Amino acid sequence: MSRKKVLFICTSNSVRSQIAEAFLNNLYGDKYKAYSAGINKTKVNPYAIKVMKEVGIDLSKHYSKRIDDFNDQDFDYVVTVCDNAKENCPFFPGKKVIHKNFKDPAIFNCSIENTIIEFKKIRDEIKNWIEYFFN
């Protein structure tokens, strides 16, 4: 049985899409092969790396990619994980496009402690949704 390919898309491929990719590959890698990309390319947010390390998933080797990097690939599912990506996502003909908006924890302007709390909250929301939707 071949694994279904899933592309998670977010604005900058720095937090939410990276976390979703990592959770799907970690939890259901026998059924799915996940990738992630952004409308824009930046870098993986250090807080995302930190909160994922706490649950035993290493994002330190992950890097930000653009949607254009995947133009020549076929996906079974394309998942936008933020409203901006949904609005600006290119059309993927014949693909099942799913939208699930998660707040961007990087936009919270607060103390380091509270920022980490927000990142953990979004991390856990993404994990719960991955477990519900892809199991």
N, C-alpha and C. Protein backbone atom coordinates (compact mmCIF):
# COMPACT_ATOMS: atom_id res chain seq x y z
N MET A 1 0.85 -1.19 0.00
CA MET A 1 0.00 0.00 0.00
C MET A 1 0.89 1.24 0.00
N SER A 2 0.70 2.11 -0.98
CA SER A 2 1.52 3.32 -1.04
C SER A 2 0.94 4.39 -0.11
N ARG A 3 1.83 5.19 0.40
CA ARG A 3 1.41 6.25 1.31
C ARG A 3 0.82 7.42 0.52
N LYS A 4 -0.20 8.04 1.09
CA LYS A 4 -0.78 9.23 0.48
C LYS A 4 0.12 10.42 0.78
N LYS A 5 0.24 11.31 -0.19
CA LYS A 5 1.08 12.49 -0.04
C LYS A 5 0.23 13.69 0.35
N VAL A 6 0.72 14.43 1.37
CA VAL A 6 -0.01 15.57 1.91
C VAL A 6 0.92 16.78 1.93
N LEU A 7 0.42 17.91 1.43
CA LEU A 7 1.18 19.16 1.47
C LEU A 7 0.44 20.14 2.38
N PHE A 8 1.11 20.57 3.45
CA PHE A 8 0.58 21.58 4.36
C PHE A 8 1.12 22.94 3.92
N ILE A 9 0.23 23.91 3.80
CA ILE A 9 0.61 25.25 3.33
C ILE A 9 0.21 26.30 4.36
N CYS A 10 1.14 27.21 4.60
CA CYS A 10 0.90 28.35 5.48
C CYS A 10 1.55 29.58 4.85
N THR A 11 1.45 30.70 5.50
CA THR A 11 1.98 31.93 4.93
C THR A 11 3.49 31.87 4.72
N SER A 12 4.24 31.51 5.77
CA SER A 12 5.70 31.58 5.65
C SER A 12 6.41 30.26 5.91
N ASN A 13 5.67 29.19 6.13
CA ASN A 13 6.26 27.87 6.38
C ASN A 13 7.28 27.95 7.50
N SER A 14 6.88 28.63 8.58
CA SER A 14 7.80 28.78 9.70
C SER A 14 7.30 28.13 10.99
N VAL A 15 5.96 27.95 11.12
CA VAL A 15 5.43 27.39 12.37
C VAL A 15 4.38 26.31 12.07
N ARG A 16 3.17 26.74 11.74
CA ARG A 16 2.02 25.84 11.68
C ARG A 16 2.17 24.72 10.66
N SER A 17 2.58 25.05 9.45
CA SER A 17 2.73 24.00 8.44
C SER A 17 3.89 23.07 8.78
N GLN A 18 4.95 23.60 9.37
CA GLN A 18 6.08 22.77 9.80
C GLN A 18 5.64 21.79 10.90
N ILE A 19 4.88 22.28 11.86
CA ILE A 19 4.39 21.43 12.95
C ILE A 19 3.46 20.35 12.41
N ALA A 20 2.56 20.73 11.50
CA ALA A 20 1.62 19.75 10.93
C ALA A 20 2.38 18.67 10.15
N GLU A 21 3.34 19.07 9.35
CA GLU A 21 4.16 18.10 8.60
C GLU A 21 4.83 17.12 9.56
N ALA A 22 5.44 17.65 10.59
CA ALA A 22 6.18 16.81 11.54
C ALA A 22 5.26 15.85 12.28
N PHE A 23 4.11 16.33 12.72
CA PHE A 23 3.18 15.45 13.44
C PHE A 23 2.64 14.35 12.53
N LEU A 24 2.25 14.70 11.30
CA LEU A 24 1.70 13.67 10.42
C LEU A 24 2.75 12.60 10.11
N ASN A 25 3.96 13.02 9.81
CA ASN A 25 5.02 12.05 9.54
C ASN A 25 5.35 11.21 10.77
N ASN A 26 5.33 11.83 11.94
CA ASN A 26 5.67 11.13 13.17
C ASN A 26 4.57 10.17 13.62
N LEU A 27 3.32 10.60 13.53
CA LEU A 27 2.21 9.79 14.02
C LEU A 27 1.70 8.76 13.02
N TYR A 28 1.68 9.13 11.75
CA TYR A 28 1.05 8.27 10.74
C TYR A 28 1.93 8.09 9.50
N GLY A 29 3.23 8.05 9.71
CA GLY A 29 4.16 7.92 8.61
C GLY A 29 4.02 6.64 7.81
N ASP A 30 3.33 5.65 8.38
CA ASP A 30 3.10 4.41 7.64
C ASP A 30 2.01 4.58 6.58
N LYS A 31 1.13 5.60 6.75
CA LYS A 31 0.03 5.83 5.81
C LYS A 31 0.19 7.09 4.96
N TYR A 32 0.97 8.06 5.48
CA TYR A 32 1.10 9.36 4.82
C TYR A 32 2.55 9.79 4.73
N LYS A 33 2.85 10.58 3.71
CA LYS A 33 4.14 11.28 3.61
C LYS A 33 3.79 12.76 3.52
N ALA A 34 4.16 13.50 4.54
CA ALA A 34 3.79 14.91 4.62
C ALA A 34 4.95 15.82 4.23
N TYR A 35 4.59 16.95 3.64
CA TYR A 35 5.52 18.01 3.25
C TYR A 35 4.88 19.32 3.69
N SER A 36 5.67 20.38 3.70
CA SER A 36 5.10 21.68 4.02
C SER A 36 5.77 22.75 3.17
N ALA A 37 5.02 23.83 2.96
CA ALA A 37 5.52 24.95 2.16
C ALA A 37 4.78 26.21 2.57
N GLY A 38 5.28 27.34 2.09
CA GLY A 38 4.64 28.61 2.39
C GLY A 38 4.42 29.44 1.16
N ILE A 39 3.56 30.42 1.29
CA ILE A 39 3.38 31.41 0.24
C ILE A 39 4.70 32.18 0.10
N ASN A 40 5.31 32.48 1.25
CA ASN A 40 6.62 33.13 1.31
C ASN A 40 7.59 32.16 1.97
N LYS A 41 8.85 32.40 1.80
CA LYS A 41 9.88 31.56 2.40
C LYS A 41 10.62 32.38 3.46
N THR A 42 10.72 31.84 4.67
CA THR A 42 11.47 32.53 5.72
C THR A 42 12.42 31.53 6.37
N LYS A 43 12.23 31.28 7.65
CA LYS A 43 12.98 30.24 8.36
C LYS A 43 12.07 29.65 9.42
N VAL A 44 12.40 28.47 9.87
CA VAL A 44 11.60 27.83 10.90
C VAL A 44 11.78 28.61 12.20
N ASN A 45 10.67 28.94 12.81
CA ASN A 45 10.69 29.74 14.03
C ASN A 45 11.35 28.96 15.17
N PRO A 46 12.30 29.58 15.88
CA PRO A 46 12.98 28.89 16.99
C PRO A 46 12.04 28.39 18.08
N TYR A 47 10.93 29.10 18.32
CA TYR A 47 9.96 28.63 19.31
C TYR A 47 9.26 27.35 18.84
N ALA A 48 9.02 27.25 17.54
CA ALA A 48 8.43 26.01 17.00
C ALA A 48 9.38 24.85 17.23
N ILE A 49 10.65 25.08 16.98
CA ILE A 49 11.66 24.04 17.21
C ILE A 49 11.67 23.64 18.69
N LYS A 50 11.61 24.63 19.55
CA LYS A 50 11.66 24.39 21.01
C LYS A 50 10.45 23.57 21.49
N VAL A 51 9.24 23.98 21.12
CA VAL A 51 8.07 23.28 21.64
C VAL A 51 7.89 21.90 21.03
N MET A 52 8.38 21.70 19.82
CA MET A 52 8.31 20.36 19.23
C MET A 52 9.34 19.43 19.87
N LYS A 53 10.49 19.98 20.23
CA LYS A 53 11.51 19.18 20.91
C LYS A 53 10.96 18.64 22.23
N GLU A 54 10.12 19.42 22.89
CA GLU A 54 9.52 19.01 24.16
C GLU A 54 8.65 17.76 24.01
N VAL A 55 8.13 17.51 22.81
CA VAL A 55 7.31 16.32 22.57
C VAL A 55 8.07 15.26 21.77
N GLY A 56 9.40 15.43 21.71
CA GLY A 56 10.24 14.41 21.10
C GLY A 56 10.37 14.47 19.59
N ILE A 57 10.04 15.61 18.99
CA ILE A 57 10.16 15.75 17.53
C ILE A 57 11.17 16.85 17.23
N ASP A 58 12.17 16.51 16.43
CA ASP A 58 13.26 17.44 16.13
C ASP A 58 13.00 18.19 14.82
N LEU A 59 12.80 19.48 14.92
CA LEU A 59 12.63 20.33 13.73
C LEU A 59 13.90 21.09 13.37
N SER A 60 14.98 20.84 14.07
CA SER A 60 16.18 21.66 13.88
C SER A 60 16.78 21.55 12.47
N LYS A 61 16.48 20.48 11.76
CA LYS A 61 16.99 20.33 10.39
C LYS A 61 15.96 20.75 9.34
N HIS A 62 14.77 21.12 9.79
CA HIS A 62 13.74 21.58 8.86
C HIS A 62 14.11 22.96 8.33
N TYR A 63 13.62 23.27 7.15
CA TYR A 63 13.85 24.59 6.56
C TYR A 63 12.59 25.03 5.83
N SER A 64 12.45 26.31 5.65
CA SER A 64 11.29 26.89 5.00
C SER A 64 11.36 26.68 3.49
N LYS A 65 10.22 26.31 2.90
CA LYS A 65 10.13 26.09 1.46
C LYS A 65 8.94 26.87 0.91
N ARG A 66 9.00 27.17 -0.38
CA ARG A 66 7.90 27.85 -1.05
C ARG A 66 7.03 26.83 -1.80
N ILE A 67 5.78 27.19 -2.01
CA ILE A 67 4.87 26.32 -2.76
C ILE A 67 5.46 25.96 -4.12
N ASP A 68 6.12 26.93 -4.75
CA ASP A 68 6.70 26.70 -6.08
C ASP A 68 7.69 25.54 -6.09
N ASP A 69 8.29 25.23 -4.93
CA ASP A 69 9.23 24.13 -4.85
C ASP A 69 8.56 22.78 -5.10
N PHE A 70 7.23 22.75 -5.08
CA PHE A 70 6.49 21.50 -5.21
C PHE A 70 5.62 21.44 -6.47
N ASN A 71 5.84 22.37 -7.40
CA ASN A 71 5.02 22.42 -8.61
C ASN A 71 5.01 21.12 -9.39
N ASP A 72 6.10 20.39 -9.38
CA ASP A 72 6.21 19.17 -10.19
C ASP A 72 5.77 17.91 -9.43
N GLN A 73 5.22 18.07 -8.24
CA GLN A 73 4.82 16.91 -7.43
C GLN A 73 3.31 16.77 -7.37
N ASP A 74 2.89 15.55 -7.20
CA ASP A 74 1.48 15.21 -7.08
C ASP A 74 1.14 14.95 -5.63
N PHE A 75 0.04 15.51 -5.15
CA PHE A 75 -0.39 15.32 -3.77
C PHE A 75 -1.82 14.79 -3.73
N ASP A 76 -2.09 13.96 -2.74
CA ASP A 76 -3.45 13.47 -2.54
C ASP A 76 -4.28 14.51 -1.79
N TYR A 77 -3.63 15.22 -0.87
CA TYR A 77 -4.29 16.26 -0.09
C TYR A 77 -3.40 17.51 -0.05
N VAL A 78 -4.04 18.66 -0.15
CA VAL A 78 -3.37 19.94 0.07
C VAL A 78 -4.14 20.59 1.21
N VAL A 79 -3.43 20.92 2.30
CA VAL A 79 -4.07 21.44 3.50
C VAL A 79 -3.54 22.84 3.80
N THR A 80 -4.42 23.83 3.75
CA THR A 80 -4.04 25.18 4.17
C THR A 80 -4.31 25.28 5.66
N VAL A 81 -3.32 25.76 6.41
CA VAL A 81 -3.46 25.82 7.87
C VAL A 81 -3.58 27.25 8.40
N CYS A 82 -3.83 28.19 7.48
CA CYS A 82 -4.11 29.56 7.90
C CYS A 82 -4.96 30.22 6.81
N ASP A 83 -5.75 31.22 7.20
CA ASP A 83 -6.64 31.88 6.26
C ASP A 83 -5.89 32.56 5.12
N ASN A 84 -4.74 33.15 5.42
CA ASN A 84 -3.96 33.83 4.38
C ASN A 84 -3.53 32.84 3.30
N ALA A 85 -3.10 31.67 3.69
CA ALA A 85 -2.70 30.65 2.71
C ALA A 85 -3.89 30.21 1.88
N LYS A 86 -5.05 30.08 2.53
CA LYS A 86 -6.25 29.68 1.80
C LYS A 86 -6.59 30.69 0.72
N GLU A 87 -6.50 31.97 1.06
CA GLU A 87 -6.83 33.03 0.11
C GLU A 87 -5.80 33.16 -1.01
N ASN A 88 -4.54 32.84 -0.73
CA ASN A 88 -3.47 33.05 -1.70
C ASN A 88 -2.90 31.76 -2.28
N CYS A 89 -3.50 30.65 -1.95
CA CYS A 89 -3.00 29.36 -2.40
C CYS A 89 -3.29 29.17 -3.89
N PRO A 90 -2.30 28.72 -4.65
CA PRO A 90 -2.56 28.44 -6.06
C PRO A 90 -3.52 27.25 -6.19
N PHE A 91 -4.14 27.15 -7.32
CA PHE A 91 -5.09 26.07 -7.57
C PHE A 91 -4.34 24.76 -7.80
N PHE A 92 -4.78 23.71 -7.13
CA PHE A 92 -4.21 22.38 -7.32
C PHE A 92 -5.28 21.51 -7.96
N PRO A 93 -5.24 21.35 -9.28
CA PRO A 93 -6.31 20.61 -9.97
C PRO A 93 -6.38 19.15 -9.51
N GLY A 94 -7.60 18.70 -9.29
CA GLY A 94 -7.85 17.30 -8.97
C GLY A 94 -7.42 16.89 -7.58
N LYS A 95 -7.01 17.81 -6.77
CA LYS A 95 -6.55 17.47 -5.42
C LYS A 95 -7.63 17.80 -4.41
N LYS A 96 -7.64 17.05 -3.34
CA LYS A 96 -8.56 17.35 -2.25
C LYS A 96 -7.92 18.45 -1.41
N VAL A 97 -8.53 19.64 -1.44
CA VAL A 97 -8.02 20.78 -0.69
C VAL A 97 -8.83 20.91 0.60
N ILE A 98 -8.12 20.96 1.71
CA ILE A 98 -8.73 21.03 3.03
C ILE A 98 -8.24 22.33 3.68
N HIS A 99 -9.12 22.99 4.40
CA HIS A 99 -8.70 24.20 5.12
C HIS A 99 -9.00 24.04 6.60
N LYS A 100 -7.99 24.32 7.40
CA LYS A 100 -8.14 24.33 8.86
C LYS A 100 -7.29 25.49 9.37
N ASN A 101 -7.93 26.53 9.84
CA ASN A 101 -7.21 27.71 10.29
C ASN A 101 -6.72 27.54 11.73
N PHE A 102 -5.42 27.77 11.92
CA PHE A 102 -4.83 27.81 13.25
C PHE A 102 -4.25 29.20 13.45
N LYS A 103 -4.43 29.78 14.63
CA LYS A 103 -3.85 31.09 14.92
C LYS A 103 -2.34 31.03 14.79
N ASP A 104 -1.77 32.14 14.42
CA ASP A 104 -0.31 32.24 14.30
C ASP A 104 0.27 32.62 15.65
N PRO A 105 0.97 31.71 16.33
CA PRO A 105 1.51 32.05 17.64
C PRO A 105 2.64 33.06 17.57
N ALA A 106 3.21 33.25 16.39
CA ALA A 106 4.32 34.19 16.23
C ALA A 106 3.87 35.64 16.28
N ILE A 107 2.56 35.89 16.17
CA ILE A 107 2.10 37.28 16.16
C ILE A 107 1.84 37.83 17.56
N PHE A 108 1.82 36.95 18.56
CA PHE A 108 1.59 37.42 19.92
C PHE A 108 2.80 38.22 20.39
N ASN A 109 2.55 39.41 20.85
CA ASN A 109 3.62 40.28 21.32
C ASN A 109 3.59 40.27 22.84
N CYS A 110 4.28 39.29 23.42
CA CYS A 110 4.22 39.15 24.87
C CYS A 110 5.56 38.61 25.38
N SER A 111 5.61 38.34 26.65
CA SER A 111 6.85 37.84 27.26
C SER A 111 7.24 36.50 26.64
N ILE A 112 8.49 36.11 26.84
CA ILE A 112 8.96 34.82 26.33
C ILE A 112 8.12 33.69 26.90
N GLU A 113 7.84 33.75 28.19
CA GLU A 113 7.02 32.71 28.85
C GLU A 113 5.66 32.58 28.18
N ASN A 114 4.98 33.70 27.97
CA ASN A 114 3.66 33.66 27.35
C ASN A 114 3.72 33.28 25.88
N THR A 115 4.78 33.67 25.19
CA THR A 115 4.96 33.27 23.80
C THR A 115 5.08 31.76 23.70
N ILE A 116 5.86 31.17 24.58
CA ILE A 116 6.02 29.71 24.58
C ILE A 116 4.68 29.03 24.90
N ILE A 117 3.91 29.60 25.80
CA ILE A 117 2.59 29.06 26.12
C ILE A 117 1.70 29.06 24.87
N GLU A 118 1.73 30.15 24.10
CA GLU A 118 0.94 30.24 22.87
C GLU A 118 1.41 29.22 21.84
N PHE A 119 2.71 29.04 21.71
CA PHE A 119 3.25 28.05 20.77
C PHE A 119 2.82 26.64 21.17
N LYS A 120 2.85 26.34 22.45
CA LYS A 120 2.43 25.02 22.92
C LYS A 120 0.95 24.80 22.65
N LYS A 121 0.16 25.85 22.85
CA LYS A 121 -1.28 25.74 22.62
C LYS A 121 -1.56 25.40 21.15
N ILE A 122 -0.91 26.10 20.23
CA ILE A 122 -1.11 25.84 18.80
C ILE A 122 -0.55 24.47 18.44
N ARG A 123 0.61 24.12 18.98
CA ARG A 123 1.20 22.79 18.73
C ARG A 123 0.19 21.70 19.10
N ASP A 124 -0.42 21.82 20.28
CA ASP A 124 -1.36 20.81 20.75
C ASP A 124 -2.65 20.79 19.91
N GLU A 125 -3.11 21.97 19.50
CA GLU A 125 -4.30 22.03 18.63
C GLU A 125 -4.03 21.32 17.31
N ILE A 126 -2.85 21.56 16.74
CA ILE A 126 -2.50 20.92 15.47
C ILE A 126 -2.41 19.41 15.65
N LYS A 127 -1.76 18.97 16.71
CA LYS A 127 -1.64 17.53 16.96
C LYS A 127 -3.02 16.88 17.10
N ASN A 128 -3.90 17.49 17.87
CA ASN A 128 -5.25 16.96 18.06
C ASN A 128 -6.00 16.88 16.74
N TRP A 129 -5.86 17.89 15.90
CA TRP A 129 -6.55 17.89 14.61
C TRP A 129 -5.97 16.81 13.70
N ILE A 130 -4.65 16.67 13.68
CA ILE A 130 -4.00 15.63 12.86
C ILE A 130 -4.51 14.25 13.31
N GLU A 131 -4.56 14.02 14.61
CA GLU A 131 -5.04 12.73 15.13
C GLU A 131 -6.50 12.49 14.75
N TYR A 132 -7.31 13.51 14.80
CA TYR A 132 -8.73 13.38 14.46
C TYR A 132 -8.91 13.16 12.95
N PHE A 133 -8.28 13.98 12.15
CA PHE A 133 -8.55 13.98 10.70
C PHE A 133 -7.85 12.83 9.96
N PHE A 134 -6.64 12.52 10.31
CA PHE A 134 -5.86 11.56 9.52
C PHE A 134 -5.83 10.14 10.09
N ASN A 135 -6.39 9.93 11.26
CA ASN A 135 -6.37 8.60 11.85
C ASN A 135 -7.39 7.69 11.21
